Amino acid sequence: MAAQWLIVACSATAASIMSNPHIGISVFWGGVTASVNVMLLMWRMIFGDRPTFNAEQHLRLMYRSSLERFFVVAVMLAIGMLKLKLDPLALLLGFLVGQVALVVIPIIRGIKVK
């Protein structure tokens, strides 16, 4: 998680320096959106490890978690584009960087993802 935040901060700083601060803020908001998505995923993974759940309850929790994460990400991206008037392409690029960091960092570290 800390490495993901570091990558998001570095990419936002690089975008600010290369282009302008507005683009950097857009990239940062996209990265924050990806980080919130990961935090929700981690929270559900911890909460879903209860031994009292049967298979049907786990399946319902998985569907609910997927919908929650989808709507939280959609709302955060919409707020960034519509309310904050951030650059849509830079915003999506920041989100992409954050999501790729979620996949690449464990591979680089050699940690198996559950």
Protein backbone atom coordinates (compact mmCIF):
# COMPACT_ATOMS: atom_id res chain seq x y z
CA MET A 1 0.00 0.00 0.00
CA ALA A 2 2.80 2.41 0.86
CA ALA A 3 4.57 1.60 -2.40
CA GLN A 4 1.37 2.31 -4.31
CA TRP A 5 1.09 5.73 -2.64
CA LEU A 6 4.75 6.41 -3.48
CA ILE A 7 4.19 5.56 -7.15
CA VAL A 8 1.06 7.73 -7.28
CA ALA A 9 2.87 10.67 -5.66
CA CYS A 10 5.86 10.32 -8.00
CA SER A 11 3.67 10.13 -11.10
CA ALA A 12 1.63 13.16 -9.99
CA THR A 13 4.83 15.12 -9.31
CA ALA A 14 6.26 14.13 -12.69
CA ALA A 15 3.03 15.18 -14.43
CA SER A 16 3.09 18.53 -12.60
CA ILE A 17 6.68 19.19 -13.63
CA MET A 18 6.33 18.01 -17.24
CA SER A 19 2.99 19.62 -18.02
CA ASN A 20 1.29 21.81 -15.42
CA PRO A 21 0.03 21.52 -11.82
CA HIS A 22 -3.59 20.94 -12.96
CA ILE A 23 -2.53 17.76 -14.76
CA GLY A 24 -0.58 16.65 -11.68
CA ILE A 25 -3.64 17.13 -9.48
CA SER A 26 -5.71 15.12 -11.96
CA VAL A 27 -3.18 12.26 -11.92
CA PHE A 28 -3.09 12.39 -8.12
CA TRP A 29 -6.91 12.21 -7.84
CA GLY A 30 -6.93 9.18 -10.15
CA GLY A 31 -4.29 7.52 -8.00
CA VAL A 32 -6.22 8.27 -4.82
CA THR A 33 -9.27 6.68 -6.44
CA ALA A 34 -7.26 3.52 -7.15
CA SER A 35 -5.94 3.52 -3.58
CA VAL A 36 -9.46 3.79 -2.15
CA ASN A 37 -10.41 0.84 -4.35
CA VAL A 38 -7.52 -1.19 -2.93
CA MET A 39 -8.39 -0.20 0.65
CA LEU A 40 -11.97 -1.41 0.15
CA LEU A 41 -10.64 -4.66 -1.30
CA MET A 42 -8.27 -5.18 1.65
CA TRP A 43 -11.02 -4.37 4.16
CA ARG A 44 -13.33 -6.96 2.58
CA MET A 45 -10.55 -9.55 2.50
CA ILE A 46 -10.00 -9.12 6.24
CA PHE A 47 -13.72 -9.01 7.04
CA GLY A 48 -14.51 -11.99 4.79
CA ASP A 49 -12.16 -14.38 6.60
CA ARG A 50 -14.70 -15.14 9.29
CA PRO A 51 -15.20 -18.90 9.75
CA THR A 52 -18.93 -18.53 10.43
CA PHE A 53 -19.72 -17.74 6.78
CA ASN A 54 -20.93 -20.52 4.51
CA ALA A 55 -20.41 -20.57 0.72
CA GLU A 56 -23.63 -18.70 -0.05
CA GLN A 57 -22.75 -15.91 2.38
CA HIS A 58 -19.25 -15.61 0.90
CA LEU A 59 -20.70 -15.38 -2.62
CA ARG A 60 -23.17 -12.66 -1.57
CA LEU A 61 -20.37 -10.76 0.16
CA MET A 62 -18.21 -11.01 -2.97
CA TYR A 63 -20.98 -9.61 -5.19
CA ARG A 64 -21.72 -6.84 -2.69
CA SER A 65 -18.04 -5.95 -2.45
CA SER A 66 -17.72 -5.79 -6.24
CA LEU A 67 -20.71 -3.47 -6.53
CA GLU A 68 -19.50 -1.27 -3.66
CA ARG A 69 -16.05 -0.89 -5.20
CA PHE A 70 -17.52 -0.20 -8.65
CA PHE A 71 -19.82 2.54 -7.37
CA VAL A 72 -17.18 4.14 -5.13
CA VAL A 73 -14.72 4.29 -8.04
CA ALA A 74 -17.39 5.59 -10.44
CA VAL A 75 -18.48 8.29 -7.99
CA MET A 76 -14.90 9.38 -7.27
CA LEU A 77 -14.05 9.58 -10.97
CA ALA A 78 -17.29 11.48 -11.65
CA ILE A 79 -16.55 13.93 -8.84
CA GLY A 80 -13.07 14.48 -10.24
CA MET A 81 -14.29 15.08 -13.78
CA LEU A 82 -17.58 16.91 -13.18
CA LYS A 83 -17.27 18.70 -9.85
CA LEU A 84 -13.53 19.38 -9.61
CA LYS A 85 -13.16 19.89 -13.40
CA LEU A 86 -10.00 17.78 -13.59
CA ASP A 87 -8.53 16.63 -16.89
CA PRO A 88 -10.30 13.33 -17.76
CA LEU A 89 -7.36 11.73 -19.58
CA ALA A 90 -4.90 12.53 -16.78
CA LEU A 91 -7.42 11.37 -14.20
CA LEU A 92 -7.83 8.00 -15.91
CA LEU A 93 -4.06 7.76 -16.35
CA GLY A 94 -3.58 8.25 -12.61
CA PHE A 95 -6.20 5.59 -11.90
CA LEU A 96 -4.45 3.24 -14.31
CA VAL A 97 -1.07 3.86 -12.67
CA GLY A 98 -2.56 3.09 -9.25
CA GLN A 99 -4.20 -0.11 -10.45
CA VAL A 100 -1.08 -1.31 -12.27
CA ALA A 101 0.93 -0.68 -9.11
CA LEU A 102 -1.47 -3.02 -7.28
CA VAL A 103 -0.55 -5.82 -9.69
CA VAL A 104 3.12 -5.10 -10.39
CA ILE A 105 4.45 -4.39 -6.88
CA PRO A 106 3.72 -7.88 -5.46
CA ILE A 107 5.27 -9.43 -8.59
CA ILE A 108 8.43 -7.36 -8.19
CA ARG A 109 8.64 -8.21 -4.50
CA GLY A 110 8.05 -11.89 -5.23
CA ILE A 111 4.99 -12.08 -3.00
CA LYS A 112 2.18 -14.35 -4.09
CA VAL A 113 -1.20 -12.60 -4.28
CA LYS A 114 -4.05 -14.53 -2.71
